[in-house]
Amino acid sequence: MINSWLKIALQKNILMRAIKVALVVGSILMLINHGDVMLSNGLSTKEFIKITLTYLVPYCVSTYSSTEAVCAAENMPSINKLIWELLKQKSSELAHCSKTVFNSLIIRLQHTKVIIKILNELHL
């Protein structure tokens, strides 16, 4: 199901809308947040990364909201629900695995206690 969400997110109309939003909103935010640095002393690697993220955030928000709107219109589950279900499934698997490991450790501890008891009796 996550693959179907990603397939929608990668549709040309959604991608193009997200790119347009990122260019407009990202440019405005970049000028507000980093304009003085660009005009004064150039860009450090740190500033370049910050500017890249300034464009990436509106792209992701636009992609997410457009994809969620399509999913809602087509009665498909939200990515939030899909991820929640995946996490529940994986946590259940992890809990089962942890229980198995814990039981194995308990058995080994019991064997160790028996061995220590036998060793103590041999020394008497």
PDB file of N, CA and C in Angstrom:
ATOM      1  N   MET A   1       0.813  -1.208   0.000  1.00  0.00           N
ATOM      2  CA  MET A   1       0.000   0.000   0.000  1.00  0.00           C
ATOM      3  C   MET A   1       0.853   1.268   0.000  1.00  0.00           C
ATOM      4  N   ILE A   2       2.010   1.212   0.659  1.00  0.00           N
ATOM      5  CA  ILE A   2       2.878   2.381   0.648  1.00  0.00           C
ATOM      6  C   ILE A   2       3.358   2.648  -0.774  1.00  0.00           C
ATOM      7  N   ASN A   3       3.563   1.570  -1.536  1.00  0.00           N
ATOM      8  CA  ASN A   3       3.979   1.743  -2.934  1.00  0.00           C
ATOM      9  C   ASN A   3       2.925   2.496  -3.739  1.00  0.00           C
ATOM     10  N   SER A   4       1.645   2.235  -3.472  1.00  0.00           N
ATOM     11  CA  SER A   4       0.596   2.950  -4.206  1.00  0.00           C
ATOM     12  C   SER A   4       0.582   4.431  -3.822  1.00  0.00           C
ATOM     13  N   TRP A   5       0.873   4.739  -2.564  1.00  0.00           N
ATOM     14  CA  TRP A   5       0.958   6.140  -2.140  1.00  0.00           C
ATOM     15  C   TRP A   5       2.114   6.830  -2.858  1.00  0.00           C
ATOM     16  N   LEU A   6       3.259   6.146  -2.920  1.00  0.00           N
ATOM     17  CA  LEU A   6       4.421   6.720  -3.605  1.00  0.00           C
ATOM     18  C   LEU A   6       4.168   6.892  -5.102  1.00  0.00           C
ATOM     19  N   LYS A   7       3.434   5.945  -5.684  1.00  0.00           N
ATOM     20  CA  LYS A   7       3.109   6.044  -7.110  1.00  0.00           C
ATOM     21  C   LYS A   7       2.292   7.307  -7.378  1.00  0.00           C
ATOM     22  N   ILE A   8       1.355   7.602  -6.494  1.00  0.00           N
ATOM     23  CA  ILE A   8       0.560   8.833  -6.630  1.00  0.00           C
ATOM     24  C   ILE A   8       1.466  10.049  -6.440  1.00  0.00           C
ATOM     25  N   ALA A   9       2.335   9.997  -5.441  1.00  0.00           N
ATOM     26  CA  ALA A   9       3.221  11.132  -5.152  1.00  0.00           C
ATOM     27  C   ALA A   9       4.157  11.440  -6.322  1.00  0.00           C
ATOM     28  N   LEU A  10       4.440  10.450  -7.144  1.00  0.00           N
ATOM     29  CA  LEU A  10       5.356  10.639  -8.268  1.00  0.00           C
ATOM     30  C   LEU A  10       4.638  10.933  -9.591  1.00  0.00           C
ATOM     31  N   GLN A  11       3.323  11.160  -9.524  1.00  0.00           N
ATOM     32  CA  GLN A  11       2.600  11.533 -10.741  1.00  0.00           C
ATOM     33  C   GLN A  11       3.090  12.890 -11.224  1.00  0.00           C
ATOM     34  N   LYS A  12       3.115  13.049 -12.534  1.00  0.00           N
ATOM     35  CA  LYS A  12       3.682  14.263 -13.132  1.00  0.00           C
ATOM     36  C   LYS A  12       3.009  15.537 -12.623  1.00  0.00           C
ATOM     37  N   ASN A  13       1.672  15.540 -12.524  1.00  0.00           N
ATOM     38  CA  ASN A  13       0.983  16.762 -12.088  1.00  0.00           C
ATOM     39  C   ASN A  13       1.341  17.125 -10.638  1.00  0.00           C
ATOM     40  N   ILE A  14       1.506  16.122  -9.794  1.00  0.00           N
ATOM     41  CA  ILE A  14       1.873  16.385  -8.399  1.00  0.00           C
ATOM     42  C   ILE A  14       3.316  16.869  -8.315  1.00  0.00           C
ATOM     43  N   LEU A  15       4.200  16.235  -9.068  1.00  0.00           N
ATOM     44  CA  LEU A  15       5.599  16.655  -9.087  1.00  0.00           C
ATOM     45  C   LEU A  15       5.744  18.095  -9.578  1.00  0.00           C
ATOM     46  N   MET A  16       5.054  18.417 -10.670  1.00  0.00           N
ATOM     47  CA  MET A  16       5.165  19.762 -11.230  1.00  0.00           C
ATOM     48  C   MET A  16       4.621  20.817 -10.262  1.00  0.00           C
ATOM     49  N   ARG A  17       3.494  20.514  -9.614  1.00  0.00           N
ATOM     50  CA  ARG A  17       2.928  21.442  -8.640  1.00  0.00           C
ATOM     51  C   ARG A  17       3.898  21.646  -7.475  1.00  0.00           C
ATOM     52  N   ALA A  18       4.492  20.562  -7.006  1.00  0.00           N
ATOM     53  CA  ALA A  18       5.419  20.658  -5.881  1.00  0.00           C
ATOM     54  C   ALA A  18       6.665  21.456  -6.253  1.00  0.00           C
ATOM     55  N   ILE A  19       7.143  21.276  -7.479  1.00  0.00           N
ATOM     56  CA  ILE A  19       8.321  22.037  -7.926  1.00  0.00           C
ATOM     57  C   ILE A  19       7.994  23.526  -7.996  1.00  0.00           C
ATOM     58  N   LYS A  20       6.822  23.868  -8.518  1.00  0.00           N
ATOM     59  CA  LYS A  20       6.420  25.273  -8.605  1.00  0.00           C
ATOM     60  C   LYS A  20       6.295  25.888  -7.212  1.00  0.00           C
ATOM     61  N   VAL A  21       5.653  25.160  -6.315  1.00  0.00           N
ATOM     62  CA  VAL A  21       5.492  25.659  -4.942  1.00  0.00           C
ATOM     63  C   VAL A  21       6.865  25.843  -4.296  1.00  0.00           C
ATOM     64  N   ALA A  22       7.748  24.856  -4.482  1.00  0.00           N
ATOM     65  CA  ALA A  22       9.081  24.933  -3.881  1.00  0.00           C
ATOM     66  C   ALA A  22       9.856  26.138  -4.416  1.00  0.00           C
ATOM     67  N   LEU A  23       9.729  26.394  -5.720  1.00  0.00           N
ATOM     68  CA  LEU A  23      10.456  27.529  -6.298  1.00  0.00           C
ATOM     69  C   LEU A  23       9.939  28.860  -5.773  1.00  0.00           C
ATOM     70  N   VAL A  24       8.623  28.995  -5.689  1.00  0.00           N
ATOM     71  CA  VAL A  24       8.055  30.276  -5.229  1.00  0.00           C
ATOM     72  C   VAL A  24       8.260  30.448  -3.726  1.00  0.00           C
ATOM     73  N   VAL A  25       7.757  29.492  -2.952  1.00  0.00           N
ATOM     74  CA  VAL A  25       7.837  29.609  -1.491  1.00  0.00           C
ATOM     75  C   VAL A  25       9.292  29.534  -1.029  1.00  0.00           C
ATOM     76  N   GLY A  26      10.061  28.614  -1.611  1.00  0.00           N
ATOM     77  CA  GLY A  26      11.465  28.472  -1.230  1.00  0.00           C
ATOM     78  C   GLY A  26      12.262  29.731  -1.499  1.00  0.00           C
ATOM     79  N   SER A  27      11.984  30.387  -2.647  1.00  0.00           N
ATOM     80  CA  SER A  27      12.711  31.635  -2.968  1.00  0.00           C
ATOM     81  C   SER A  27      12.380  32.741  -1.989  1.00  0.00           C
ATOM     82  N   ILE A  28      11.114  32.854  -1.635  1.00  0.00           N
ATOM     83  CA  ILE A  28      10.708  33.878  -0.660  1.00  0.00           C
ATOM     84  C   ILE A  28      11.380  33.614   0.687  1.00  0.00           C
ATOM     85  N   LEU A  29      11.311  32.367   1.143  1.00  0.00           N
ATOM     86  CA  LEU A  29      11.932  32.017   2.425  1.00  0.00           C
ATOM     87  C   LEU A  29      13.448  32.175   2.375  1.00  0.00           C
ATOM     88  N   MET A  30      14.046  31.827   1.243  1.00  0.00           N
ATOM     89  CA  MET A  30      15.498  31.950   1.103  1.00  0.00           C
ATOM     90  C   MET A  30      15.917  33.418   1.215  1.00  0.00           C
ATOM     91  N   LEU A  31      15.177  34.305   0.568  1.00  0.00           N
ATOM     92  CA  LEU A  31      15.508  35.727   0.648  1.00  0.00           C
ATOM     93  C   LEU A  31      15.334  36.259   2.068  1.00  0.00           C
ATOM     94  N   ILE A  32      14.257  35.831   2.710  1.00  0.00           N
ATOM     95  CA  ILE A  32      14.012  36.284   4.089  1.00  0.00           C
ATOM     96  C   ILE A  32      15.092  35.757   5.035  1.00  0.00           C
ATOM     97  N   ASN A  33      15.401  34.476   4.933  1.00  0.00           N
ATOM     98  CA  ASN A  33      16.290  33.837   5.907  1.00  0.00           C
ATOM     99  C   ASN A  33      17.774  33.923   5.563  1.00  0.00           C
ATOM    100  N   HIS A  34      18.112  34.009   4.276  1.00  0.00           N
ATOM    101  CA  HIS A  34      19.520  33.919   3.897  1.00  0.00           C
ATOM    102  C   HIS A  34      19.973  35.042   2.962  1.00  0.00           C
ATOM    103  N   GLY A  35      19.102  35.971   2.662  1.00  0.00           N
ATOM    104  CA  GLY A  35      19.449  37.042   1.735  1.00  0.00           C
ATOM    105  C   GLY A  35      20.641  37.855   2.167  1.00  0.00           C
ATOM    106  N   ASP A  36      20.721  38.188   3.454  1.00  0.00           N
ATOM    107  CA  ASP A  36      21.843  38.993   3.950  1.00  0.00           C
ATOM    108  C   ASP A  36      23.173  38.271   3.792  1.00  0.00           C
ATOM    109  N   VAL A  37      23.184  36.961   4.015  1.00  0.00           N
ATOM    110  CA  VAL A  37      24.414  36.179   3.880  1.00  0.00           C
ATOM    111  C   VAL A  37      24.844  36.137   2.424  1.00  0.00           C
ATOM    112  N   MET A  38      23.882  35.975   1.523  1.00  0.00           N
ATOM    113  CA  MET A  38      24.205  35.910   0.098  1.00  0.00           C
ATOM    114  C   MET A  38      24.775  37.233  -0.405  1.00  0.00           C
ATOM    115  N   LEU A  39      24.258  38.332   0.115  1.00  0.00           N
ATOM    116  CA  LEU A  39      24.726  39.646  -0.334  1.00  0.00           C
ATOM    117  C   LEU A  39      26.044  40.068   0.310  1.00  0.00           C
ATOM    118  N   SER A  40      26.326  39.533   1.499  1.00  0.00           N
ATOM    119  CA  SER A  40      27.505  40.006   2.221  1.00  0.00           C
ATOM    120  C   SER A  40      28.774  39.221   1.892  1.00  0.00           C
ATOM    121  N   ASN A  41      28.836  37.981   2.282  1.00  0.00           N
ATOM    122  CA  ASN A  41      30.124  37.287   2.181  1.00  0.00           C
ATOM    123  C   ASN A  41      30.067  35.962   1.429  1.00  0.00           C
ATOM    124  N   GLY A  42      29.066  35.719   0.658  1.00  0.00           N
ATOM    125  CA  GLY A  42      28.994  34.464  -0.089  1.00  0.00           C
ATOM    126  C   GLY A  42      28.475  33.321   0.753  1.00  0.00           C
ATOM    127  N   LEU A  43      28.507  32.147   0.182  1.00  0.00           N
ATOM    128  CA  LEU A  43      27.898  30.980   0.819  1.00  0.00           C
ATOM    129  C   LEU A  43      28.938  29.992   1.322  1.00  0.00           C
ATOM    130  N   SER A  44      28.793  29.607   2.558  1.00  0.00           N
ATOM    131  CA  SER A  44      29.581  28.499   3.093  1.00  0.00           C
ATOM    132  C   SER A  44      28.804  27.214   2.797  1.00  0.00           C
ATOM    133  N   THR A  45      29.437  26.110   3.027  1.00  0.00           N
ATOM    134  CA  THR A  45      28.761  24.821   2.832  1.00  0.00           C
ATOM    135  C   THR A  45      27.532  24.732   3.730  1.00  0.00           C
ATOM    136  N   LYS A  46      27.675  25.207   4.948  1.00  0.00           N
ATOM    137  CA  LYS A  46      26.565  25.191   5.907  1.00  0.00           C
ATOM    138  C   LYS A  46      25.387  26.004   5.376  1.00  0.00           C
ATOM    139  N   GLU A  47      25.662  27.188   4.846  1.00  0.00           N
ATOM    140  CA  GLU A  47      24.590  28.036   4.299  1.00  0.00           C
ATOM    141  C   GLU A  47      23.955  27.387   3.069  1.00  0.00           C
ATOM    142  N   PHE A  48      24.780  26.768   2.233  1.00  0.00           N
ATOM    143  CA  PHE A  48      24.252  26.102   1.041  1.00  0.00           C
ATOM    144  C   PHE A  48      23.282  24.990   1.433  1.00  0.00           C
ATOM    145  N   ILE A  49      23.630  24.214   2.454  1.00  0.00           N
ATOM    146  CA  ILE A  49      22.744  23.132   2.934  1.00  0.00           C
ATOM    147  C   ILE A  49      21.444  23.726   3.466  1.00  0.00           C
ATOM    148  N   LYS A  50      21.536  24.812   4.223  1.00  0.00           N
ATOM    149  CA  LYS A  50      20.333  25.462   4.753  1.00  0.00           C
ATOM    150  C   LYS A  50      19.430  25.956   3.619  1.00  0.00           C
ATOM    151  N   ILE A  51      20.007  26.527   2.588  1.00  0.00           N
ATOM    152  CA  ILE A  51      19.213  27.025   1.456  1.00  0.00           C
ATOM    153  C   ILE A  51      18.560  25.859   0.717  1.00  0.00           C
ATOM    154  N   THR A  52      19.289  24.778   0.539  1.00  0.00           N
ATOM    155  CA  THR A  52      18.720  23.587  -0.107  1.00  0.00           C
ATOM    156  C   THR A  52      17.513  23.090   0.676  1.00  0.00           C
ATOM    157  N   LEU A  53      17.642  23.033   1.995  1.00  0.00           N
ATOM    158  CA  LEU A  53      16.515  22.605   2.833  1.00  0.00           C
ATOM    159  C   LEU A  53      15.355  23.593   2.766  1.00  0.00           C
ATOM    160  N   THR A  54      15.673  24.868   2.585  1.00  0.00           N
ATOM    161  CA  THR A  54      14.643  25.893   2.459  1.00  0.00           C
ATOM    162  C   THR A  54      13.750  25.620   1.248  1.00  0.00           C
ATOM    163  N   TYR A  55      14.312  25.068   0.201  1.00  0.00           N
ATOM    164  CA  TYR A  55      13.527  24.695  -0.985  1.00  0.00           C
ATOM    165  C   TYR A  55      12.899  23.310  -0.825  1.00  0.00           C
ATOM    166  N   LEU A  56      13.584  22.420  -0.137  1.00  0.00           N
ATOM    167  CA  LEU A  56      13.097  21.044   0.000  1.00  0.00           C
ATOM    168  C   LEU A  56      11.836  20.958   0.857  1.00  0.00           C
ATOM    169  N   VAL A  57      11.751  21.757   1.896  1.00  0.00           N
ATOM    170  CA  VAL A  57      10.598  21.686   2.804  1.00  0.00           C
ATOM    171  C   VAL A  57       9.281  22.020   2.092  1.00  0.00           C
ATOM    172  N   PRO A  58       9.166  23.128   1.364  1.00  0.00           N
ATOM    173  CA  PRO A  58       7.894  23.371   0.674  1.00  0.00           C
ATOM    174  C   PRO A  58       7.598  22.328  -0.406  1.00  0.00           C
ATOM    175  N   TYR A  59       8.642  21.772  -1.024  1.00  0.00           N
ATOM    176  CA  TYR A  59       8.429  20.695  -2.001  1.00  0.00           C
ATOM    177  C   TYR A  59       7.775  19.491  -1.313  1.00  0.00           C
ATOM    178  N   CYS A  60       8.316  19.089  -0.170  1.00  0.00           N
ATOM    179  CA  CYS A  60       7.773  17.933   0.560  1.00  0.00           C
ATOM    180  C   CYS A  60       6.358  18.193   1.059  1.00  0.00           C
ATOM    181  N   VAL A  61       6.113  19.387   1.570  1.00  0.00           N
ATOM    182  CA  VAL A  61       4.774  19.722   2.074  1.00  0.00           C
ATOM    183  C   VAL A  61       3.764  19.693   0.940  1.00  0.00           C
ATOM    184  N   SER A  62       4.106  20.253  -0.198  1.00  0.00           N
ATOM    185  CA  SER A  62       3.199  20.258  -1.344  1.00  0.00           C
ATOM    186  C   SER A  62       2.936  18.841  -1.842  1.00  0.00           C
ATOM    187  N   THR A  63       3.992  18.040  -1.949  1.00  0.00           N
ATOM    188  CA  THR A  63       3.835  16.654  -2.398  1.00  0.00           C
ATOM    189  C   THR A  63       2.940  15.878  -1.435  1.00  0.00           C
ATOM    190  N   TYR A  64       3.198  16.025  -0.159  1.00  0.00           N
ATOM    191  CA  TYR A  64       2.413  15.329   0.858  1.00  0.00           C
ATOM    192  C   TYR A  64       0.935  15.732   0.789  1.00  0.00           C
ATOM    193  N   SER A  65       0.675  17.022   0.772  1.00  0.00           N
ATOM    194  CA  SER A  65      -0.720  17.473   0.808  1.00  0.00           C
ATOM    195  C   SER A  65      -1.459  17.099  -0.478  1.00  0.00           C
ATOM    196  N   SER A  66      -0.799  17.194  -1.622  1.00  0.00           N
ATOM    197  CA  SER A  66      -1.452  16.818  -2.884  1.00  0.00           C
ATOM    198  C   SER A  66      -1.734  15.321  -2.929  1.00  0.00           C
ATOM    199  N   THR A  67      -0.779  14.530  -2.491  1.00  0.00           N
ATOM    200  CA  THR A  67      -0.963  13.076  -2.496  1.00  0.00           C
ATOM    201  C   THR A  67      -2.053  12.664  -1.523  1.00  0.00           C
ATOM    202  N   GLU A  68      -2.079  13.271  -0.367  1.00  0.00           N
ATOM    203  CA  GLU A  68      -3.131  12.965   0.606  1.00  0.00           C
ATOM    204  C   GLU A  68      -4.507  13.353   0.070  1.00  0.00           C
ATOM    205  N   ALA A  69      -4.588  14.457  -0.659  1.00  0.00           N
ATOM    206  CA  ALA A  69      -5.869  14.876  -1.242  1.00  0.00           C
ATOM    207  C   ALA A  69      -6.351  13.851  -2.270  1.00  0.00           C
ATOM    208  N   VAL A  70      -5.440  13.363  -3.096  1.00  0.00           N
ATOM    209  CA  VAL A  70      -5.817  12.334  -4.083  1.00  0.00           C
ATOM    210  C   VAL A  70      -6.255  11.059  -3.370  1.00  0.00           C
ATOM    211  N   CYS A  71      -5.514  10.666  -2.351  1.00  0.00           N
ATOM    212  CA  CYS A  71      -5.874   9.456  -1.593  1.00  0.00           C
ATOM    213  C   CYS A  71      -7.260   9.599  -0.951  1.00  0.00           C
ATOM    214  N   ALA A  72      -7.538  10.757  -0.388  1.00  0.00           N
ATOM    215  CA  ALA A  72      -8.841  10.983   0.241  1.00  0.00           C
ATOM    216  C   ALA A  72      -9.950  10.932  -0.806  1.00  0.00           C
ATOM    217  N   ALA A  73      -9.708  11.516  -1.970  1.00  0.00           N
ATOM    218  CA  ALA A  73     -10.717  11.534  -3.031  1.00  0.00           C
ATOM    219  C   ALA A  73     -10.985  10.130  -3.560  1.00  0.00           C
ATOM    220  N   GLU A  74      -9.984   9.276  -3.525  1.00  0.00           N
ATOM    221  CA  GLU A  74     -10.128   7.912  -4.041  1.00  0.00           C
ATOM    222  C   GLU A  74     -10.358   6.889  -2.927  1.00  0.00           C
ATOM    223  N   ASN A  75     -10.668   7.357  -1.725  1.00  0.00           N
ATOM    224  CA  ASN A  75     -10.924   6.498  -0.561  1.00  0.00           C
ATOM    225  C   ASN A  75      -9.769   5.531  -0.290  1.00  0.00           C
ATOM    226  N   MET A  76      -8.574   6.038  -0.435  1.00  0.00           N
ATOM    227  CA  MET A  76      -7.384   5.251  -0.117  1.00  0.00           C
ATOM    228  C   MET A  76      -6.876   5.688   1.255  1.00  0.00           C
ATOM    229  N   PRO A  77      -6.173   4.799   1.962  1.00  0.00           N
ATOM    230  CA  PRO A  77      -5.677   5.184   3.288  1.00  0.00           C
ATOM    231  C   PRO A  77      -4.571   6.235   3.208  1.00  0.00           C
ATOM    232  N   SER A  78      -4.517   7.037   4.240  1.00  0.00           N
ATOM    233  CA  SER A  78      -3.480   8.063   4.383  1.00  0.00           C
ATOM    234  C   SER A  78      -2.132   7.388   4.611  1.00  0.00           C
ATOM    235  N   ILE A  79      -1.053   8.068   4.230  1.00  0.00           N
ATOM    236  CA  ILE A  79       0.292   7.538   4.490  1.00  0.00           C
ATOM    237  C   ILE A  79       0.509   7.394   5.987  1.00  0.00           C
ATOM    238  N   ASN A  80      -0.100   8.274   6.767  1.00  0.00           N
ATOM    239  CA  ASN A  80       0.022   8.179   8.230  1.00  0.00           C
ATOM    240  C   ASN A  80      -0.536   6.852   8.729  1.00  0.00           C
ATOM    241  N   LYS A  81      -1.694   6.462   8.213  1.00  0.00           N
ATOM    242  CA  LYS A  81      -2.306   5.198   8.608  1.00  0.00           C
ATOM    243  C   LYS A  81      -1.465   4.023   8.123  1.00  0.00           C
ATOM    244  N   LEU A  82      -0.952   4.116   6.905  1.00  0.00           N
ATOM    245  CA  LEU A  82      -0.129   3.036   6.353  1.00  0.00           C
ATOM    246  C   LEU A  82       1.131   2.827   7.179  1.00  0.00           C
ATOM    247  N   ILE A  83       1.774   3.922   7.547  1.00  0.00           N
ATOM    248  CA  ILE A  83       2.998   3.809   8.350  1.00  0.00           C
ATOM    249  C   ILE A  83       2.672   3.292   9.749  1.00  0.00           C
ATOM    250  N   TRP A  84       1.561   3.751  10.318  1.00  0.00           N
ATOM    251  CA  TRP A  84       1.148   3.281  11.645  1.00  0.00           C
ATOM    252  C   TRP A  84       0.918   1.775  11.627  1.00  0.00           C
ATOM    253  N   GLU A  85       0.233   1.275  10.600  1.00  0.00           N
ATOM    254  CA  GLU A  85      -0.023  -0.165  10.483  1.00  0.00           C
ATOM    255  C   GLU A  85       1.285  -0.939  10.328  1.00  0.00           C
ATOM    256  N   LEU A  86       2.199  -0.411   9.540  1.00  0.00           N
ATOM    257  CA  LEU A  86       3.500  -1.051   9.358  1.00  0.00           C
ATOM    258  C   LEU A  86       4.269  -1.096  10.678  1.00  0.00           C
ATOM    259  N   LEU A  87       4.250   0.011  11.417  1.00  0.00           N
ATOM    260  CA  LEU A  87       4.938   0.050  12.710  1.00  0.00           C
ATOM    261  C   LEU A  87       4.324  -0.928  13.709  1.00  0.00           C
ATOM    262  N   LYS A  88       2.999  -1.031  13.715  1.00  0.00           N
ATOM    263  CA  LYS A  88       2.341  -1.987  14.617  1.00  0.00           C
ATOM    264  C   LYS A  88       2.756  -3.411  14.264  1.00  0.00           C
ATOM    265  N   GLN A  89       2.789  -3.710  12.964  1.00  0.00           N
ATOM    266  CA  GLN A  89       3.172  -5.051  12.522  1.00  0.00           C
ATOM    267  C   GLN A  89       4.613  -5.358  12.923  1.00  0.00           C
ATOM    268  N   LYS A  90       5.506  -4.413  12.660  1.00  0.00           N
ATOM    269  CA  LYS A  90       6.920  -4.630  12.970  1.00  0.00           C
ATOM    270  C   LYS A  90       7.152  -4.702  14.478  1.00  0.00           C
ATOM    271  N   SER A  91       6.415  -3.899  15.253  1.00  0.00           N
ATOM    272  CA  SER A  91       6.596  -3.953  16.699  1.00  0.00           C
ATOM    273  C   SER A  91       6.094  -5.273  17.262  1.00  0.00           C
ATOM    274  N   SER A  92       5.041  -5.815  16.656  1.00  0.00           N
ATOM    275  CA  SER A  92       4.542  -7.125  17.076  1.00  0.00           C
ATOM    276  C   SER A  92       5.585  -8.198  16.784  1.00  0.00           C
ATOM    277  N   GLU A  93       6.197  -8.123  15.606  1.00  0.00           N
ATOM    278  CA  GLU A  93       7.254  -9.072  15.258  1.00  0.00           C
ATOM    279  C   GLU A  93       8.439  -8.929  16.202  1.00  0.00           C
ATOM    280  N   LEU A  94       8.791  -7.688  16.514  1.00  0.00           N
ATOM    281  CA  LEU A  94       9.903  -7.439  17.421  1.00  0.00           C
ATOM    282  C   LEU A  94       9.590  -7.955  18.830  1.00  0.00           C
ATOM    283  N   ALA A  95       8.362  -7.762  19.282  1.00  0.00           N
ATOM    284  CA  ALA A  95       7.966  -8.241  20.607  1.00  0.00           C
ATOM    285  C   ALA A  95       8.072  -9.761  20.664  1.00  0.00           C
ATOM    286  N   HIS A  96       7.633 -10.434  19.615  1.00  0.00           N
ATOM    287  CA  HIS A  96       7.719 -11.898  19.572  1.00  0.00           C
ATOM    288  C   HIS A  96       9.184 -12.332  19.617  1.00  0.00           C
ATOM    289  N   CYS A  97      10.030 -11.660  18.848  1.00  0.00           N
ATOM    290  CA  CYS A  97      11.461 -11.972  18.816  1.00  0.00           C
ATOM    291  C   CYS A  97      12.089 -11.727  20.182  1.00  0.00           C
ATOM    292  N   SER A  98      11.740 -10.614  20.812  1.00  0.00           N
ATOM    293  CA  SER A  98      12.283 -10.285  22.131  1.00  0.00           C
ATOM    294  C   SER A  98      11.865 -11.320  23.169  1.00  0.00           C
ATOM    295  N   LYS A  99      10.612 -11.766  23.083  1.00  0.00           N
ATOM    296  CA  LYS A  99      10.122 -12.773  24.021  1.00  0.00           C
ATOM    297  C   LYS A  99      10.904 -14.072  23.852  1.00  0.00           C
ATOM    298  N   THR A 100      11.182 -14.450  22.613  1.00  0.00           N
ATOM    299  CA  THR A 100      11.944 -15.663  22.348  1.00  0.00           C
ATOM    300  C   THR A 100      13.359 -15.547  22.916  1.00  0.00           C
ATOM    301  N   VAL A 101      13.998 -14.412  22.690  1.00  0.00           N
ATOM    302  CA  VAL A 101      15.352 -14.195  23.214  1.00  0.00           C
ATOM    303  C   VAL A 101      15.331 -14.197  24.739  1.00  0.00           C
ATOM    304  N   PHE A 102      14.348 -13.528  25.326  1.00  0.00           N
ATOM    305  CA  PHE A 102      14.240 -13.470  26.788  1.00  0.00           C
ATOM    306  C   PHE A 102      14.071 -14.875  27.367  1.00  0.00           C
ATOM    307  N   ASN A 103      13.182 -15.667  26.772  1.00  0.00           N
ATOM    308  CA  ASN A 103      12.970 -17.038  27.255  1.00  0.00           C
ATOM    309  C   ASN A 103      14.249 -17.862  27.141  1.00  0.00           C
ATOM    310  N   SER A 104      14.988 -17.671  26.068  1.00  0.00           N
ATOM    311  CA  SER A 104      16.252 -18.379  25.892  1.00  0.00           C
ATOM    312  C   SER A 104      17.242 -17.988  26.979  1.00  0.00           C
ATOM    313  N   LEU A 105      17.291 -16.696  27.310  1.00  0.00           N
ATOM    314  CA  LEU A 105      18.194 -16.233  28.367  1.00  0.00           C
ATOM    315  C   LEU A 105      17.800 -16.794  29.725  1.00  0.00           C
ATOM    316  N   ILE A 106      16.510 -16.870  29.978  1.00  0.00           N
ATOM    317  CA  ILE A 106      16.029 -17.440  31.255  1.00  0.00           C
ATOM    318  C   ILE A 106      16.455 -18.898  31.369  1.00  0.00           C
ATOM    319  N   ILE A 107      16.298 -19.641  30.291  1.00  0.00           N
ATOM    320  CA  ILE A 107      16.686 -21.056  30.302  1.00  0.00           C
ATOM    321  C   ILE A 107      18.192 -21.182  30.550  1.00  0.00           C
ATOM    322  N   ARG A 108      18.984 -20.358  29.910  1.00  0.00           N
ATOM    323  CA  ARG A 108      20.437 -20.402  30.112  1.00  0.00           C
ATOM    324  C   ARG A 108      20.802 -20.018  31.543  1.00  0.00           C
ATOM    325  N   LEU A 109      20.096 -19.053  32.087  1.00  0.00           N
ATOM    326  CA  LEU A 109      20.343 -18.656  33.469  1.00  0.00           C
ATOM    327  C   LEU A 109      20.025 -19.805  34.420  1.00  0.00           C
ATOM    328  N   GLN A 110      18.934 -20.500  34.158  1.00  0.00           N
ATOM    329  CA  GLN A 110      18.565 -21.646  34.994  1.00  0.00           C
ATOM    330  C   GLN A 110      19.624 -22.739  34.886  1.00  0.00           C
ATOM    331  N   HIS A 111      20.129 -22.980  33.685  1.00  0.00           N
ATOM    332  CA  HIS A 111      21.184 -23.981  33.500  1.00  0.00           C
ATOM    333  C   HIS A 111      22.445 -23.565  34.248  1.00  0.00           C
ATOM    334  N   THR A 112      22.750 -22.270  34.203  1.00  0.00           N
ATOM    335  CA  THR A 112      23.928 -21.759  34.897  1.00  0.00           C
ATOM    336  C   THR A 112      23.783 -21.958  36.402  1.00  0.00           C
ATOM    337  N   LYS A 113      22.591 -21.713  36.939  1.00  0.00           N
ATOM    338  CA  LYS A 113      22.349 -21.909  38.369  1.00  0.00           C
ATOM    339  C   LYS A 113      22.540 -23.377  38.749  1.00  0.00           C
ATOM    340  N   VAL A 114      22.068 -24.285  37.894  1.00  0.00           N
ATOM    341  CA  VAL A 114      22.215 -25.719  38.162  1.00  0.00           C
ATOM    342  C   VAL A 114      23.689 -26.097  38.149  1.00  0.00           C
ATOM    343  N   ILE A 115      24.424 -25.571  37.174  1.00  0.00           N
ATOM    344  CA  ILE A 115      25.852 -25.888  37.085  1.00  0.00           C
ATOM    345  C   ILE A 115      26.589 -25.357  38.307  1.00  0.00           C
ATOM    346  N   ILE A 116      26.273 -24.145  38.745  1.00  0.00           N
ATOM    347  CA  ILE A 116      26.909 -23.561  39.931  1.00  0.00           C
ATOM    348  C   ILE A 116      26.575 -24.392  41.162  1.00  0.00           C
ATOM    349  N   LYS A 117      25.337 -24.844  41.260  1.00  0.00           N
ATOM    350  CA  LYS A 117      24.939 -25.662  42.403  1.00  0.00           C
ATOM    351  C   LYS A 117      25.711 -26.973  42.421  1.00  0.00           C
ATOM    352  N   ILE A 118      25.858 -27.595  41.262  1.00  0.00           N
ATOM    353  CA  ILE A 118      26.619 -28.857  41.184  1.00  0.00           C
ATOM    354  C   ILE A 118      28.084 -28.627  41.540  1.00  0.00           C
ATOM    355  N   LEU A 119      28.653 -27.535  41.018  1.00  0.00           N
ATOM    356  CA  LEU A 119      30.047 -27.224  41.328  1.00  0.00           C
ATOM    357  C   LEU A 119      30.238 -26.968  42.826  1.00  0.00           C
ATOM    358  N   ASN A 120      29.284 -26.283  43.436  1.00  0.00           N
ATOM    359  CA  ASN A 120      29.357 -26.015  44.885  1.00  0.00           C
ATOM    360  C   ASN A 120      29.285 -27.310  45.666  1.00  0.00           C
ATOM    361  N   GLU A 121      28.435 -28.242  45.242  1.00  0.00           N
ATOM    362  CA  GLU A 121      28.299 -29.529  45.941  1.00  0.00           C
ATOM    363  C   GLU A 121      29.554 -30.384  45.783  1.00  0.00           C
ATOM    364  N   LEU A 122      30.210 -30.274  44.636  1.00  0.00           N
ATOM    365  CA  LEU A 122      31.444 -31.035  44.417  1.00  0.00           C
ATOM    366  C   LEU A 122      32.585 -30.565  45.327  1.00  0.00           C
ATOM    367  N   HIS A 123      32.578 -29.310  45.647  1.00  0.00           N
ATOM    368  CA  HIS A 123      33.630 -28.744  46.496  1.00  0.00           C
ATOM    369  C   HIS A 123      33.398 -29.066  47.949  1.00  0.00           C
ATOM    370  N   LEU A 124      32.183 -29.506  48.319  1.00  0.00           N
ATOM    371  CA  LEU A 124      31.904 -29.834  49.719  1.00  0.00           C
ATOM    372  C   LEU A 124      32.416 -31.151  50.044  1.00  0.00           C
TER     373      LEU A 124
END
